[in-house]
Amino acid sequence: MDKLMLQVNGENVLAVHRAFQQHADELGSGLQQIGADVEIGLCGRDPVSEMAAGPQSFGGKVNQLLDAHWRHRDELAAVASLLRATARSYGHSEDEIERSLEDRAKS
């Protein structure tokens, strides 16, 4: 790919940072809610219930899917952190960066 899909510069770095941070925060919040409600327990003491809750069946697959989403959230947060550092390198202060995040919460 010869062209970048997005180029970060001094003018847009706060908006790009805000977008990545917002996505990471929202994904993390959603995953926390889901994680509290997703426990796959035994429906009964029969062999099928035990298999359904096991790591190689439905219960395990749900946990694998959640783990993949948590890794994605961590990647988004890492990008947001790099963008924060990039914003500082463009001369934006921590106050400006924080205000840009607060502006997001108001909209």
PDB file of N, CA and C in Angstrom:
ATOM      1  N   MET A   1       0.845  -1.159   0.000  1.00  0.00           N
ATOM      2  CA  MET A   1       0.000   0.000   0.000  1.00  0.00           C
ATOM      3  C   MET A   1       0.903   1.238   0.000  1.00  0.00           C
ATOM      4  N   ASP A   2       0.766   2.057  -1.005  1.00  0.00           N
ATOM      5  CA  ASP A   2       1.607   3.232  -1.145  1.00  0.00           C
ATOM      6  C   ASP A   2       1.100   4.431  -0.357  1.00  0.00           C
ATOM      7  N   LYS A   3      -0.190   4.528  -0.201  1.00  0.00           N
ATOM      8  CA  LYS A   3      -0.760   5.692   0.478  1.00  0.00           C
ATOM      9  C   LYS A   3      -1.195   5.320   1.886  1.00  0.00           C
ATOM     10  N   LEU A   4      -0.974   6.251   2.787  1.00  0.00           N
ATOM     11  CA  LEU A   4      -1.464   6.044   4.148  1.00  0.00           C
ATOM     12  C   LEU A   4      -2.943   6.359   4.190  1.00  0.00           C
ATOM     13  N   MET A   5      -3.673   5.559   4.936  1.00  0.00           N
ATOM     14  CA  MET A   5      -5.107   5.817   5.072  1.00  0.00           C
ATOM     15  C   MET A   5      -5.342   7.023   5.975  1.00  0.00           C
ATOM     16  N   LEU A   6      -4.424   7.257   6.893  1.00  0.00           N
ATOM     17  CA  LEU A   6      -4.564   8.365   7.816  1.00  0.00           C
ATOM     18  C   LEU A   6      -3.174   8.899   8.107  1.00  0.00           C
ATOM     19  N   GLN A   7      -2.999  10.175   7.965  1.00  0.00           N
ATOM     20  CA  GLN A   7      -1.742  10.794   8.328  1.00  0.00           C
ATOM     21  C   GLN A   7      -1.997  11.703   9.522  1.00  0.00           C
ATOM     22  N   VAL A   8      -1.216  11.493  10.561  1.00  0.00           N
ATOM     23  CA  VAL A   8      -1.361  12.291  11.765  1.00  0.00           C
ATOM     24  C   VAL A   8      -0.445  13.501  11.641  1.00  0.00           C
ATOM     25  N   ASN A   9      -0.995  14.656  11.982  1.00  0.00           N
ATOM     26  CA  ASN A   9      -0.192  15.872  11.987  1.00  0.00           C
ATOM     27  C   ASN A   9      -0.587  16.702  13.202  1.00  0.00           C
ATOM     28  N   GLY A  10       0.045  17.824  13.344  1.00  0.00           N
ATOM     29  CA  GLY A  10      -0.212  18.675  14.494  1.00  0.00           C
ATOM     30  C   GLY A  10      -1.644  19.150  14.601  1.00  0.00           C
ATOM     31  N   GLU A  11      -2.331  19.244  13.473  1.00  0.00           N
ATOM     32  CA  GLU A  11      -3.708  19.729  13.481  1.00  0.00           C
ATOM     33  C   GLU A  11      -4.727  18.661  13.871  1.00  0.00           C
ATOM     34  N   ASN A  12      -4.456  17.406  13.521  1.00  0.00           N
ATOM     35  CA  ASN A  12      -5.463  16.371  13.771  1.00  0.00           C
ATOM     36  C   ASN A  12      -5.086  15.376  14.867  1.00  0.00           C
ATOM     37  N   VAL A  13      -3.892  15.510  15.428  1.00  0.00           N
ATOM     38  CA  VAL A  13      -3.422  14.495  16.374  1.00  0.00           C
ATOM     39  C   VAL A  13      -4.332  14.384  17.600  1.00  0.00           C
ATOM     40  N   LEU A  14      -4.882  15.498  18.079  1.00  0.00           N
ATOM     41  CA  LEU A  14      -5.763  15.420  19.253  1.00  0.00           C
ATOM     42  C   LEU A  14      -7.048  14.672  18.928  1.00  0.00           C
ATOM     43  N   ALA A  15      -7.608  14.911  17.742  1.00  0.00           N
ATOM     44  CA  ALA A  15      -8.834  14.207  17.347  1.00  0.00           C
ATOM     45  C   ALA A  15      -8.574  12.722  17.136  1.00  0.00           C
ATOM     46  N   VAL A  16      -7.436  12.397  16.550  1.00  0.00           N
ATOM     47  CA  VAL A  16      -7.105  10.980  16.315  1.00  0.00           C
ATOM     48  C   VAL A  16      -6.869  10.292  17.662  1.00  0.00           C
ATOM     49  N   HIS A  17      -6.129  10.956  18.540  1.00  0.00           N
ATOM     50  CA  HIS A  17      -5.903  10.404  19.886  1.00  0.00           C
ATOM     51  C   HIS A  17      -7.228  10.175  20.592  1.00  0.00           C
ATOM     52  N   ARG A  18      -8.103  11.175  20.534  1.00  0.00           N
ATOM     53  CA  ARG A  18      -9.410  11.084  21.185  1.00  0.00           C
ATOM     54  C   ARG A  18     -10.199   9.890  20.650  1.00  0.00           C
ATOM     55  N   ALA A  19     -10.176   9.680  19.337  1.00  0.00           N
ATOM     56  CA  ALA A  19     -10.926   8.568  18.732  1.00  0.00           C
ATOM     57  C   ALA A  19     -10.406   7.217  19.216  1.00  0.00           C
ATOM     58  N   PHE A  20      -9.085   7.051  19.246  1.00  0.00           N
ATOM     59  CA  PHE A  20      -8.519   5.777  19.699  1.00  0.00           C
ATOM     60  C   PHE A  20      -8.781   5.569  21.188  1.00  0.00           C
ATOM     61  N   GLN A  21      -8.609   6.620  21.989  1.00  0.00           N
ATOM     62  CA  GLN A  21      -8.828   6.495  23.427  1.00  0.00           C
ATOM     63  C   GLN A  21     -10.287   6.197  23.727  1.00  0.00           C
ATOM     64  N   GLN A  22     -11.180   6.878  23.022  1.00  0.00           N
ATOM     65  CA  GLN A  22     -12.610   6.651  23.228  1.00  0.00           C
ATOM     66  C   GLN A  22     -12.977   5.209  22.881  1.00  0.00           C
ATOM     67  N   HIS A  23     -12.467   4.721  21.773  1.00  0.00           N
ATOM     68  CA  HIS A  23     -12.786   3.350  21.378  1.00  0.00           C
ATOM     69  C   HIS A  23     -12.243   2.357  22.410  1.00  0.00           C
ATOM     70  N   ALA A  24     -11.018   2.578  22.880  1.00  0.00           N
ATOM     71  CA  ALA A  24     -10.435   1.689  23.894  1.00  0.00           C
ATOM     72  C   ALA A  24     -11.255   1.720  25.184  1.00  0.00           C
ATOM     73  N   ASP A  25     -11.656   2.919  25.606  1.00  0.00           N
ATOM     74  CA  ASP A  25     -12.435   3.057  26.841  1.00  0.00           C
ATOM     75  C   ASP A  25     -13.801   2.381  26.725  1.00  0.00           C
ATOM     76  N   GLU A  26     -14.482   2.625  25.598  1.00  0.00           N
ATOM     77  CA  GLU A  26     -15.810   2.033  25.415  1.00  0.00           C
ATOM     78  C   GLU A  26     -15.732   0.509  25.314  1.00  0.00           C
ATOM     79  N   LEU A  27     -14.734   0.018  24.601  1.00  0.00           N
ATOM     80  CA  LEU A  27     -14.567  -1.428  24.483  1.00  0.00           C
ATOM     81  C   LEU A  27     -14.264  -2.040  25.841  1.00  0.00           C
ATOM     82  N   GLY A  28     -13.387  -1.396  26.608  1.00  0.00           N
ATOM     83  CA  GLY A  28     -13.063  -1.895  27.942  1.00  0.00           C
ATOM     84  C   GLY A  28     -14.279  -1.926  28.853  1.00  0.00           C
ATOM     85  N   SER A  29     -15.072  -0.869  28.811  1.00  0.00           N
ATOM     86  CA  SER A  29     -16.286  -0.831  29.645  1.00  0.00           C
ATOM     87  C   SER A  29     -17.257  -1.939  29.266  1.00  0.00           C
ATOM     88  N   GLY A  30     -17.448  -2.111  27.979  1.00  0.00           N
ATOM     89  CA  GLY A  30     -18.345  -3.170  27.512  1.00  0.00           C
ATOM     90  C   GLY A  30     -17.850  -4.552  27.893  1.00  0.00           C
ATOM     91  N   LEU A  31     -16.555  -4.766  27.765  1.00  0.00           N
ATOM     92  CA  LEU A  31     -15.994  -6.066  28.120  1.00  0.00           C
ATOM     93  C   LEU A  31     -16.098  -6.333  29.614  1.00  0.00           C
ATOM     94  N   GLN A  32     -15.950  -5.301  30.422  1.00  0.00           N
ATOM     95  CA  GLN A  32     -16.110  -5.491  31.864  1.00  0.00           C
ATOM     96  C   GLN A  32     -17.535  -5.901  32.201  1.00  0.00           C
ATOM     97  N   GLN A  33     -18.504  -5.261  31.563  1.00  0.00           N
ATOM     98  CA  GLN A  33     -19.905  -5.620  31.807  1.00  0.00           C
ATOM     99  C   GLN A  33     -20.171  -7.054  31.354  1.00  0.00           C
ATOM    100  N   ILE A  34     -19.709  -7.389  30.179  1.00  0.00           N
ATOM    101  CA  ILE A  34     -19.932  -8.731  29.638  1.00  0.00           C
ATOM    102  C   ILE A  34     -19.245  -9.768  30.512  1.00  0.00           C
ATOM    103  N   GLY A  35     -18.008  -9.474  30.927  1.00  0.00           N
ATOM    104  CA  GLY A  35     -17.246 -10.421  31.729  1.00  0.00           C
ATOM    105  C   GLY A  35     -17.948 -10.783  33.022  1.00  0.00           C
ATOM    106  N   ALA A  36     -18.655  -9.825  33.573  1.00  0.00           N
ATOM    107  CA  ALA A  36     -19.381 -10.078  34.828  1.00  0.00           C
ATOM    108  C   ALA A  36     -20.603 -10.956  34.594  1.00  0.00           C
ATOM    109  N   ASP A  37     -21.128 -10.960  33.376  1.00  0.00           N
ATOM    110  CA  ASP A  37     -22.374 -11.674  33.087  1.00  0.00           C
ATOM    111  C   ASP A  37     -22.197 -12.947  32.269  1.00  0.00           C
ATOM    112  N   VAL A  38     -20.980 -13.312  31.924  1.00  0.00           N
ATOM    113  CA  VAL A  38     -20.797 -14.363  30.933  1.00  0.00           C
ATOM    114  C   VAL A  38     -20.407 -15.723  31.523  1.00  0.00           C
ATOM    115  N   GLU A  39     -20.359 -15.826  32.792  1.00  0.00           N
ATOM    116  CA  GLU A  39     -19.967 -17.090  33.411  1.00  0.00           C
ATOM    117  C   GLU A  39     -20.838 -18.234  32.897  1.00  0.00           C
ATOM    118  N   ILE A  40     -20.181 -19.226  32.331  1.00  0.00           N
ATOM    119  CA  ILE A  40     -20.883 -20.407  31.835  1.00  0.00           C
ATOM    120  C   ILE A  40     -20.746 -21.485  32.908  1.00  0.00           C
ATOM    121  N   GLY A  41     -21.801 -21.692  33.620  1.00  0.00           N
ATOM    122  CA  GLY A  41     -21.777 -22.706  34.674  1.00  0.00           C
ATOM    123  C   GLY A  41     -22.465 -23.977  34.223  1.00  0.00           C
ATOM    124  N   LEU A  42     -22.481 -24.914  35.101  1.00  0.00           N
ATOM    125  CA  LEU A  42     -23.137 -26.176  34.801  1.00  0.00           C
ATOM    126  C   LEU A  42     -24.654 -26.014  34.895  1.00  0.00           C
ATOM    127  N   CYS A  43     -25.335 -26.502  33.883  1.00  0.00           N
ATOM    128  CA  CYS A  43     -26.799 -26.492  33.915  1.00  0.00           C
ATOM    129  C   CYS A  43     -27.314 -27.666  34.747  1.00  0.00           C
ATOM    130  N   GLY A  44     -26.530 -28.698  34.791  1.00  0.00           N
ATOM    131  CA  GLY A  44     -26.889 -29.894  35.536  1.00  0.00           C
ATOM    132  C   GLY A  44     -25.636 -30.703  35.797  1.00  0.00           C
ATOM    133  N   ARG A  45     -25.818 -31.878  36.315  1.00  0.00           N
ATOM    134  CA  ARG A  45     -24.674 -32.735  36.621  1.00  0.00           C
ATOM    135  C   ARG A  45     -24.467 -33.804  35.547  1.00  0.00           C
ATOM    136  N   ASP A  46     -25.070 -33.582  34.401  1.00  0.00           N
ATOM    137  CA  ASP A  46     -24.944 -34.554  33.314  1.00  0.00           C
ATOM    138  C   ASP A  46     -23.669 -34.275  32.500  1.00  0.00           C
ATOM    139  N   PRO A  47     -23.191 -35.259  31.737  1.00  0.00           N
ATOM    140  CA  PRO A  47     -21.956 -35.094  30.959  1.00  0.00           C
ATOM    141  C   PRO A  47     -22.033 -33.985  29.908  1.00  0.00           C
ATOM    142  N   VAL A  48     -23.185 -33.750  29.326  1.00  0.00           N
ATOM    143  CA  VAL A  48     -23.308 -32.704  28.301  1.00  0.00           C
ATOM    144  C   VAL A  48     -23.094 -31.327  28.927  1.00  0.00           C
ATOM    145  N   SER A  49     -23.653 -31.087  30.092  1.00  0.00           N
ATOM    146  CA  SER A  49     -23.464 -29.808  30.776  1.00  0.00           C
ATOM    147  C   SER A  49     -21.999 -29.583  31.113  1.00  0.00           C
ATOM    148  N   GLU A  50     -21.327 -30.616  31.564  1.00  0.00           N
ATOM    149  CA  GLU A  50     -19.905 -30.496  31.890  1.00  0.00           C
ATOM    150  C   GLU A  50     -19.089 -30.168  30.651  1.00  0.00           C
ATOM    151  N   MET A  51     -19.409 -30.809  29.530  1.00  0.00           N
ATOM    152  CA  MET A  51     -18.683 -30.541  28.280  1.00  0.00           C
ATOM    153  C   MET A  51     -18.964 -29.118  27.787  1.00  0.00           C
ATOM    154  N   ALA A  52     -20.192 -28.644  27.910  1.00  0.00           N
ATOM    155  CA  ALA A  52     -20.562 -27.311  27.409  1.00  0.00           C
ATOM    156  C   ALA A  52     -19.833 -26.206  28.171  1.00  0.00           C
ATOM    157  N   ALA A  53     -19.533 -26.438  29.440  1.00  0.00           N
ATOM    158  CA  ALA A  53     -18.848 -25.424  30.246  1.00  0.00           C
ATOM    159  C   ALA A  53     -17.334 -25.552  30.154  1.00  0.00           C
ATOM    160  N   GLY A  54     -16.848 -26.611  29.560  1.00  0.00           N
ATOM    161  CA  GLY A  54     -15.417 -26.874  29.520  1.00  0.00           C
ATOM    162  C   GLY A  54     -14.648 -25.975  28.561  1.00  0.00           C
ATOM    163  N   PRO A  55     -13.310 -25.987  28.676  1.00  0.00           N
ATOM    164  CA  PRO A  55     -12.468 -25.087  27.887  1.00  0.00           C
ATOM    165  C   PRO A  55     -12.479 -25.371  26.380  1.00  0.00           C
ATOM    166  N   GLN A  56     -12.831 -26.578  25.972  1.00  0.00           N
ATOM    167  CA  GLN A  56     -12.844 -26.915  24.552  1.00  0.00           C
ATOM    168  C   GLN A  56     -14.222 -26.762  23.920  1.00  0.00           C
ATOM    169  N   SER A  57     -15.178 -26.321  24.692  1.00  0.00           N
ATOM    170  CA  SER A  57     -16.527 -26.191  24.170  1.00  0.00           C
ATOM    171  C   SER A  57     -16.986 -24.743  24.254  1.00  0.00           C
ATOM    172  N   PHE A  58     -18.279 -24.536  24.409  1.00  0.00           N
ATOM    173  CA  PHE A  58     -18.860 -23.203  24.347  1.00  0.00           C
ATOM    174  C   PHE A  58     -18.243 -22.249  25.361  1.00  0.00           C
ATOM    175  N   GLY A  59     -18.144 -22.684  26.620  1.00  0.00           N
ATOM    176  CA  GLY A  59     -17.583 -21.813  27.654  1.00  0.00           C
ATOM    177  C   GLY A  59     -16.170 -21.364  27.339  1.00  0.00           C
ATOM    178  N   GLY A  60     -15.358 -22.278  26.878  1.00  0.00           N
ATOM    179  CA  GLY A  60     -13.978 -21.947  26.525  1.00  0.00           C
ATOM    180  C   GLY A  60     -13.896 -21.017  25.328  1.00  0.00           C
ATOM    181  N   LYS A  61     -14.759 -21.233  24.356  1.00  0.00           N
ATOM    182  CA  LYS A  61     -14.756 -20.375  23.169  1.00  0.00           C
ATOM    183  C   LYS A  61     -15.188 -18.954  23.497  1.00  0.00           C
ATOM    184  N   VAL A  62     -16.145 -18.830  24.406  1.00  0.00           N
ATOM    185  CA  VAL A  62     -16.560 -17.492  24.838  1.00  0.00           C
ATOM    186  C   VAL A  62     -15.374 -16.785  25.488  1.00  0.00           C
ATOM    187  N   ASN A  63     -14.656 -17.470  26.348  1.00  0.00           N
ATOM    188  CA  ASN A  63     -13.500 -16.872  27.011  1.00  0.00           C
ATOM    189  C   ASN A  63     -12.401 -16.523  26.016  1.00  0.00           C
ATOM    190  N   GLN A  64     -12.182 -17.370  25.007  1.00  0.00           N
ATOM    191  CA  GLN A  64     -11.189 -17.064  23.971  1.00  0.00           C
ATOM    192  C   GLN A  64     -11.580 -15.805  23.201  1.00  0.00           C
ATOM    193  N   LEU A  65     -12.856 -15.678  22.895  1.00  0.00           N
ATOM    194  CA  LEU A  65     -13.348 -14.507  22.182  1.00  0.00           C
ATOM    195  C   LEU A  65     -13.172 -13.245  23.030  1.00  0.00           C
ATOM    196  N   LEU A  66     -13.510 -13.328  24.299  1.00  0.00           N
ATOM    197  CA  LEU A  66     -13.314 -12.188  25.192  1.00  0.00           C
ATOM    198  C   LEU A  66     -11.834 -11.824  25.306  1.00  0.00           C
ATOM    199  N   ASP A  67     -10.976 -12.823  25.409  1.00  0.00           N
ATOM    200  CA  ASP A  67      -9.534 -12.564  25.484  1.00  0.00           C
ATOM    201  C   ASP A  67      -9.043 -11.830  24.236  1.00  0.00           C
ATOM    202  N   ALA A  68      -9.530 -12.225  23.067  1.00  0.00           N
ATOM    203  CA  ALA A  68      -9.136 -11.562  21.820  1.00  0.00           C
ATOM    204  C   ALA A  68      -9.578 -10.099  21.831  1.00  0.00           C
ATOM    205  N   HIS A  69     -10.771  -9.845  22.338  1.00  0.00           N
ATOM    206  CA  HIS A  69     -11.256  -8.468  22.404  1.00  0.00           C
ATOM    207  C   HIS A  69     -10.484  -7.645  23.438  1.00  0.00           C
ATOM    208  N   TRP A  70     -10.091  -8.261  24.543  1.00  0.00           N
ATOM    209  CA  TRP A  70      -9.265  -7.553  25.516  1.00  0.00           C
ATOM    210  C   TRP A  70      -7.901  -7.201  24.902  1.00  0.00           C
ATOM    211  N   ARG A  71      -7.337  -8.109  24.119  1.00  0.00           N
ATOM    212  CA  ARG A  71      -6.060  -7.809  23.447  1.00  0.00           C
ATOM    213  C   ARG A  71      -6.238  -6.646  22.475  1.00  0.00           C
ATOM    214  N   HIS A  72      -7.353  -6.632  21.755  1.00  0.00           N
ATOM    215  CA  HIS A  72      -7.634  -5.527  20.827  1.00  0.00           C
ATOM    216  C   HIS A  72      -7.759  -4.217  21.598  1.00  0.00           C
ATOM    217  N   ARG A  73      -8.436  -4.236  22.728  1.00  0.00           N
ATOM    218  CA  ARG A  73      -8.563  -3.049  23.567  1.00  0.00           C
ATOM    219  C   ARG A  73      -7.195  -2.559  24.024  1.00  0.00           C
ATOM    220  N   ASP A  74      -6.333  -3.496  24.401  1.00  0.00           N
ATOM    221  CA  ASP A  74      -4.972  -3.128  24.819  1.00  0.00           C
ATOM    222  C   ASP A  74      -4.189  -2.505  23.669  1.00  0.00           C
ATOM    223  N   GLU A  75      -4.368  -3.022  22.454  1.00  0.00           N
ATOM    224  CA  GLU A  75      -3.703  -2.445  21.278  1.00  0.00           C
ATOM    225  C   GLU A  75      -4.202  -1.024  21.022  1.00  0.00           C
ATOM    226  N   LEU A  76      -5.506  -0.807  21.128  1.00  0.00           N
ATOM    227  CA  LEU A  76      -6.061   0.537  20.942  1.00  0.00           C
ATOM    228  C   LEU A  76      -5.509   1.499  21.990  1.00  0.00           C
ATOM    229  N   ALA A  77      -5.432   1.056  23.226  1.00  0.00           N
ATOM    230  CA  ALA A  77      -4.906   1.903  24.298  1.00  0.00           C
ATOM    231  C   ALA A  77      -3.427   2.218  24.060  1.00  0.00           C
ATOM    232  N   ALA A  78      -2.675   1.249  23.549  1.00  0.00           N
ATOM    233  CA  ALA A  78      -1.258   1.483  23.254  1.00  0.00           C
ATOM    234  C   ALA A  78      -1.103   2.519  22.138  1.00  0.00           C
ATOM    235  N   VAL A  79      -1.939   2.430  21.117  1.00  0.00           N
ATOM    236  CA  VAL A  79      -1.904   3.422  20.035  1.00  0.00           C
ATOM    237  C   VAL A  79      -2.269   4.791  20.588  1.00  0.00           C
ATOM    238  N   ALA A  80      -3.289   4.859  21.437  1.00  0.00           N
ATOM    239  CA  ALA A  80      -3.679   6.130  22.046  1.00  0.00           C
ATOM    240  C   ALA A  80      -2.526   6.720  22.847  1.00  0.00           C
ATOM    241  N   SER A  81      -1.795   5.875  23.552  1.00  0.00           N
ATOM    242  CA  SER A  81      -0.647   6.336  24.329  1.00  0.00           C
ATOM    243  C   SER A  81       0.432   6.914  23.415  1.00  0.00           C
ATOM    244  N   LEU A  82       0.687   6.236  22.301  1.00  0.00           N
ATOM    245  CA  LEU A  82       1.666   6.752  21.332  1.00  0.00           C
ATOM    246  C   LEU A  82       1.196   8.069  20.726  1.00  0.00           C
ATOM    247  N   LEU A  83      -0.098   8.173  20.468  1.00  0.00           N
ATOM    248  CA  LEU A  83      -0.643   9.410  19.917  1.00  0.00           C
ATOM    249  C   LEU A  83      -0.560  10.549  20.933  1.00  0.00           C
ATOM    250  N   ARG A  84      -0.712  10.234  22.201  1.00  0.00           N
ATOM    251  CA  ARG A  84      -0.552  11.248  23.253  1.00  0.00           C
ATOM    252  C   ARG A  84       0.878  11.777  23.220  1.00  0.00           C
ATOM    253  N   ALA A  85       1.839  10.877  23.123  1.00  0.00           N
ATOM    254  CA  ALA A  85       3.247  11.294  23.045  1.00  0.00           C
ATOM    255  C   ALA A  85       3.497  12.103  21.771  1.00  0.00           C
ATOM    256  N   THR A  86       2.874  11.700  20.681  1.00  0.00           N
ATOM    257  CA  THR A  86       3.013  12.429  19.424  1.00  0.00           C
ATOM    258  C   THR A  86       2.431  13.832  19.556  1.00  0.00           C
ATOM    259  N   ALA A  87       1.291  13.945  20.232  1.00  0.00           N
ATOM    260  CA  ALA A  87       0.680  15.261  20.453  1.00  0.00           C
ATOM    261  C   ALA A  87       1.634  16.164  21.233  1.00  0.00           C
ATOM    262  N   ARG A  88       2.281  15.591  22.246  1.00  0.00           N
ATOM    263  CA  ARG A  88       3.251  16.383  23.012  1.00  0.00           C
ATOM    264  C   ARG A  88       4.418  16.806  22.124  1.00  0.00           C
ATOM    265  N   SER A  89       4.848  15.908  21.230  1.00  0.00           N
ATOM    266  CA  SER A  89       5.970  16.260  20.346  1.00  0.00           C
ATOM    267  C   SER A  89       5.594  17.353  19.355  1.00  0.00           C
ATOM    268  N   TYR A  90       4.303  17.478  19.048  1.00  0.00           N
ATOM    269  CA  TYR A  90       3.826  18.567  18.193  1.00  0.00           C
ATOM    270  C   TYR A  90       3.608  19.855  18.988  1.00  0.00           C
ATOM    271  N   GLY A  91       3.861  19.820  20.281  1.00  0.00           N
ATOM    272  CA  GLY A  91       3.762  21.017  21.097  1.00  0.00           C
ATOM    273  C   GLY A  91       2.475  21.165  21.880  1.00  0.00           C
ATOM    274  N   HIS A  92       1.609  20.167  21.852  1.00  0.00           N
ATOM    275  CA  HIS A  92       0.374  20.231  22.636  1.00  0.00           C
ATOM    276  C   HIS A  92       0.694  19.922  24.100  1.00  0.00           C
ATOM    277  N   SER A  93       0.119  20.690  24.987  1.00  0.00           N
ATOM    278  CA  SER A  93       0.350  20.480  26.418  1.00  0.00           C
ATOM    279  C   SER A  93      -0.561  19.362  26.936  1.00  0.00           C
ATOM    280  N   GLU A  94      -0.234  18.869  28.125  1.00  0.00           N
ATOM    281  CA  GLU A  94      -1.084  17.854  28.756  1.00  0.00           C
ATOM    282  C   GLU A  94      -2.487  18.411  28.989  1.00  0.00           C
ATOM    283  N   ASP A  95      -2.570  19.700  29.336  1.00  0.00           N
ATOM    284  CA  ASP A  95      -3.881  20.323  29.541  1.00  0.00           C
ATOM    285  C   ASP A  95      -4.711  20.295  28.260  1.00  0.00           C
ATOM    286  N   GLU A  96      -4.072  20.601  27.129  1.00  0.00           N
ATOM    287  CA  GLU A  96      -4.790  20.569  25.847  1.00  0.00           C
ATOM    288  C   GLU A  96      -5.274  19.153  25.529  1.00  0.00           C
ATOM    289  N   ILE A  97      -4.406  18.202  25.781  1.00  0.00           N
ATOM    290  CA  ILE A  97      -4.752  16.801  25.498  1.00  0.00           C
ATOM    291  C   ILE A  97      -5.929  16.382  26.380  1.00  0.00           C
ATOM    292  N   GLU A  98      -5.864  16.711  27.666  1.00  0.00           N
ATOM    293  CA  GLU A  98      -6.954  16.351  28.579  1.00  0.00           C
ATOM    294  C   GLU A  98      -8.252  17.059  28.198  1.00  0.00           C
ATOM    295  N   ARG A  99      -8.156  18.330  27.818  1.00  0.00           N
ATOM    296  CA  ARG A  99      -9.357  19.058  27.401  1.00  0.00           C
ATOM    297  C   ARG A  99      -9.986  18.419  26.166  1.00  0.00           C
ATOM    298  N   SER A 100      -9.143  17.930  25.255  1.00  0.00           N
ATOM    299  CA  SER A 100      -9.700  17.293  24.056  1.00  0.00           C
ATOM    300  C   SER A 100     -10.469  16.024  24.418  1.00  0.00           C
ATOM    301  N   LEU A 101     -10.018  15.330  25.453  1.00  0.00           N
ATOM    302  CA  LEU A 101     -10.739  14.142  25.923  1.00  0.00           C
ATOM    303  C   LEU A 101     -12.023  14.534  26.639  1.00  0.00           C
ATOM    304  N   GLU A 102     -11.984  15.627  27.391  1.00  0.00           N
ATOM    305  CA  GLU A 102     -13.195  16.112  28.066  1.00  0.00           C
ATOM    306  C   GLU A 102     -14.227  16.585  27.052  1.00  0.00           C
ATOM    307  N   ASP A 103     -13.765  17.203  25.969  1.00  0.00           N
ATOM    308  CA  ASP A 103     -14.677  17.642  24.909  1.00  0.00           C
ATOM    309  C   ASP A 103     -15.433  16.455  24.354  1.00  0.00           C
ATOM    310  N   ARG A 104     -14.766  15.313  24.260  1.00  0.00           N
ATOM    311  CA  ARG A 104     -15.391  14.090  23.763  1.00  0.00           C
ATOM    312  C   ARG A 104     -16.544  13.681  24.668  1.00  0.00           C
ATOM    313  N   ALA A 105     -16.311  13.768  25.976  1.00  0.00           N
ATOM    314  CA  ALA A 105     -17.330  13.339  26.946  1.00  0.00           C
ATOM    315  C   ALA A 105     -18.577  14.222  26.875  1.00  0.00           C
ATOM    316  N   LYS A 106     -18.389  15.483  26.494  1.00  0.00           N
ATOM    317  CA  LYS A 106     -19.522  16.408  26.407  1.00  0.00           C
ATOM    318  C   LYS A 106     -20.359  16.191  25.151  1.00  0.00           C
ATOM    319  N   SER A 107     -19.737  15.636  24.090  1.00  0.00           N
ATOM    320  CA  SER A 107     -20.483  15.481  22.846  1.00  0.00           C
ATOM    321  C   SER A 107     -21.261  14.204  22.780  1.00  0.00           C
TER     322      SER A 107
END
